[in-house]
């Protein structure tokens, strides 16, 4: 077995590192506030912003993801948001019927 990380290992590390890069600038380091949540996709998904994310009704999706209604998104809610973005924006999932928490 080689010492190189597999693509999924790299993806998981990227998810965690990206969350940590944005969380805690304005409060709790384990959560993203609304401003951090808005900044993250604008900077990290620049080729998807703003057209594709608007098409996905990104703001509505993010509102649904704040499952504990604390106006912040924790890591689990953040990962759900990425799954929802993939489901509604990625070509491979365009015909897949939305499931909660992506739909309202």
C-alpha atoms as a PDB file:
ATOM      1  CA  UNK A   1       0.000   0.000   0.000  1.00  0.00           C
ATOM      2  CA  UNK A   2       1.377   3.399  -0.941  1.00  0.00           C
ATOM      3  CA  UNK A   3       1.774   6.334   1.420  1.00  0.00           C
ATOM      4  CA  UNK A   4      -0.344   8.586  -0.804  1.00  0.00           C
ATOM      5  CA  UNK A   5      -3.755   9.530   0.462  1.00  0.00           C
ATOM      6  CA  UNK A   6      -6.690   8.242  -1.541  1.00  0.00           C
ATOM      7  CA  UNK A   7      -9.054  10.788  -3.178  1.00  0.00           C
ATOM      8  CA  UNK A   8     -11.746  10.302  -0.536  1.00  0.00           C
ATOM      9  CA  UNK A   9      -9.203  10.774   2.260  1.00  0.00           C
ATOM     10  CA  UNK A  10      -8.074  13.988   0.583  1.00  0.00           C
ATOM     11  CA  UNK A  11     -11.698  15.116   0.214  1.00  0.00           C
ATOM     12  CA  UNK A  12     -12.460  14.504   3.898  1.00  0.00           C
ATOM     13  CA  UNK A  13      -9.335  16.407   4.913  1.00  0.00           C
ATOM     14  CA  UNK A  14     -10.355  19.264   2.600  1.00  0.00           C
ATOM     15  CA  UNK A  15     -13.869  19.362   4.118  1.00  0.00           C
ATOM     16  CA  UNK A  16     -12.503  19.606   7.644  1.00  0.00           C
ATOM     17  CA  UNK A  17      -9.743  22.096   6.810  1.00  0.00           C
ATOM     18  CA  UNK A  18     -12.098  24.350   4.859  1.00  0.00           C
ATOM     19  CA  UNK A  19     -14.632  24.358   7.695  1.00  0.00           C
ATOM     20  CA  UNK A  20     -11.900  25.189  10.208  1.00  0.00           C
ATOM     21  CA  UNK A  21     -10.549  27.969   7.983  1.00  0.00           C
ATOM     22  CA  UNK A  22     -13.889  29.822   8.085  1.00  0.00           C
ATOM     23  CA  UNK A  23     -15.399  28.868  11.442  1.00  0.00           C
ATOM     24  CA  UNK A  24     -14.731  30.830  14.575  1.00  0.00           C
ATOM     25  CA  UNK A  25     -13.666  34.137  13.048  1.00  0.00           C
ATOM     26  CA  UNK A  26     -16.722  35.772  14.586  1.00  0.00           C
ATOM     27  CA  UNK A  27     -17.506  33.461  17.502  1.00  0.00           C
ATOM     28  CA  UNK A  28     -17.729  29.719  18.113  1.00  0.00           C
ATOM     29  CA  UNK A  29     -14.859  27.864  16.398  1.00  0.00           C
ATOM     30  CA  UNK A  30     -17.093  24.827  15.947  1.00  0.00           C
ATOM     31  CA  UNK A  31     -19.779  26.695  13.990  1.00  0.00           C
ATOM     32  CA  UNK A  32     -20.178  28.974  11.004  1.00  0.00           C
ATOM     33  CA  UNK A  33     -22.159  32.158  11.593  1.00  0.00           C
ATOM     34  CA  UNK A  34     -24.262  33.623   8.781  1.00  0.00           C
ATOM     35  CA  UNK A  35     -21.410  35.848   7.529  1.00  0.00           C
ATOM     36  CA  UNK A  36     -18.896  32.976   7.537  1.00  0.00           C
ATOM     37  CA  UNK A  37     -21.453  30.752   5.850  1.00  0.00           C
ATOM     38  CA  UNK A  38     -21.971  33.307   3.092  1.00  0.00           C
ATOM     39  CA  UNK A  39     -18.239  33.903   2.614  1.00  0.00           C
ATOM     40  CA  UNK A  40     -17.250  30.232   2.373  1.00  0.00           C
ATOM     41  CA  UNK A  41     -18.986  29.281  -0.911  1.00  0.00           C
ATOM     42  CA  UNK A  42     -18.229  32.671  -2.458  1.00  0.00           C
ATOM     43  CA  UNK A  43     -14.499  32.060  -1.968  1.00  0.00           C
ATOM     44  CA  UNK A  44     -14.319  28.272  -2.145  1.00  0.00           C
ATOM     45  CA  UNK A  45     -16.780  27.684  -5.000  1.00  0.00           C
ATOM     46  CA  UNK A  46     -15.983  30.711  -7.176  1.00  0.00           C
ATOM     47  CA  UNK A  47     -16.935  29.083 -10.464  1.00  0.00           C
ATOM     48  CA  UNK A  48     -20.320  28.098  -8.980  1.00  0.00           C
ATOM     49  CA  UNK A  49     -21.094  31.570  -7.602  1.00  0.00           C
ATOM     50  CA  UNK A  50     -23.440  33.228  -7.896  1.00  0.00           C
ATOM     51  CA  UNK A  51     -25.389  31.781 -10.846  1.00  0.00           C
ATOM     52  CA  UNK A  52     -25.330  28.078 -10.090  1.00  0.00           C
ATOM     53  CA  UNK A  53     -25.860  28.561  -6.370  1.00  0.00           C
ATOM     54  CA  UNK A  54     -28.849  30.820  -7.038  1.00  0.00           C
ATOM     55  CA  UNK A  55     -30.262  28.171  -9.335  1.00  0.00           C
ATOM     56  CA  UNK A  56     -29.994  25.740  -6.444  1.00  0.00           C
ATOM     57  CA  UNK A  57     -31.849  28.192  -4.193  1.00  0.00           C
ATOM     58  CA  UNK A  58     -28.820  28.108  -1.949  1.00  0.00           C
ATOM     59  CA  UNK A  59     -30.136  30.511   0.674  1.00  0.00           C
ATOM     60  CA  UNK A  60     -33.287  28.460   1.218  1.00  0.00           C
ATOM     61  CA  UNK A  61     -31.212  25.300   1.452  1.00  0.00           C
ATOM     62  CA  UNK A  62     -28.920  26.828   4.052  1.00  0.00           C
ATOM     63  CA  UNK A  63     -31.915  27.956   6.107  1.00  0.00           C
ATOM     64  CA  UNK A  64     -33.197  24.392   6.153  1.00  0.00           C
ATOM     65  CA  UNK A  65     -29.795  23.078   7.228  1.00  0.00           C
ATOM     66  CA  UNK A  66     -29.707  25.076  10.458  1.00  0.00           C
ATOM     67  CA  UNK A  67     -31.575  22.247  12.138  1.00  0.00           C
ATOM     68  CA  UNK A  68     -31.180  23.562  15.680  1.00  0.00           C
ATOM     69  CA  UNK A  69     -32.237  27.102  14.651  1.00  0.00           C
ATOM     70  CA  UNK A  70     -29.284  28.792  16.336  1.00  0.00           C
ATOM     71  CA  UNK A  71     -28.482  30.916  13.243  1.00  0.00           C
ATOM     72  CA  UNK A  72     -25.196  29.056  12.916  1.00  0.00           C
ATOM     73  CA  UNK A  73     -24.172  25.933  11.056  1.00  0.00           C
ATOM     74  CA  UNK A  74     -22.142  23.271  12.821  1.00  0.00           C
ATOM     75  CA  UNK A  75     -19.909  20.759  11.026  1.00  0.00           C
ATOM     76  CA  UNK A  76     -22.684  18.197  10.455  1.00  0.00           C
ATOM     77  CA  UNK A  77     -24.974  20.882   9.036  1.00  0.00           C
ATOM     78  CA  UNK A  78     -22.076  22.126   6.866  1.00  0.00           C
ATOM     79  CA  UNK A  79     -21.483  18.653   5.409  1.00  0.00           C
ATOM     80  CA  UNK A  80     -25.224  18.361   4.697  1.00  0.00           C
ATOM     81  CA  UNK A  81     -25.036  21.700   2.869  1.00  0.00           C
ATOM     82  CA  UNK A  82     -22.296  20.364   0.619  1.00  0.00           C
ATOM     83  CA  UNK A  83     -24.313  17.220  -0.080  1.00  0.00           C
ATOM     84  CA  UNK A  84     -27.298  19.388  -0.997  1.00  0.00           C
ATOM     85  CA  UNK A  85     -25.185  21.585  -3.257  1.00  0.00           C
ATOM     86  CA  UNK A  86     -23.873  18.483  -5.031  1.00  0.00           C
ATOM     87  CA  UNK A  87     -27.360  17.021  -5.343  1.00  0.00           C
ATOM     88  CA  UNK A  88     -28.980  20.102  -6.822  1.00  0.00           C
ATOM     89  CA  UNK A  89     -26.068  21.527  -8.812  1.00  0.00           C
ATOM     90  CA  UNK A  90     -23.978  18.634 -10.093  1.00  0.00           C
ATOM     91  CA  UNK A  91     -24.945  17.316 -13.503  1.00  0.00           C
ATOM     92  CA  UNK A  92     -24.909  13.667 -12.336  1.00  0.00           C
ATOM     93  CA  UNK A  93     -27.710  14.368  -9.836  1.00  0.00           C
ATOM     94  CA  UNK A  94     -29.938  16.747 -11.855  1.00  0.00           C
ATOM     95  CA  UNK A  95     -32.650  14.084 -12.307  1.00  0.00           C
ATOM     96  CA  UNK A  96     -32.449  12.776  -8.753  1.00  0.00           C
ATOM     97  CA  UNK A  97     -35.556  13.761  -6.733  1.00  0.00           C
ATOM     98  CA  UNK A  98     -34.588  15.994  -3.767  1.00  0.00           C
ATOM     99  CA  UNK A  99     -34.806  14.531  -0.305  1.00  0.00           C
ATOM    100  CA  UNK A 100     -34.805  16.438   2.976  1.00  0.00           C
ATOM    101  CA  UNK A 101     -32.915  18.392   4.173  1.00  0.00           C
ATOM    102  CA  UNK A 102     -32.353  19.757   0.652  1.00  0.00           C
ATOM    103  CA  UNK A 103     -36.013  20.343  -0.091  1.00  0.00           C
ATOM    104  CA  UNK A 104     -38.426  22.490   1.839  1.00  0.00           C
END
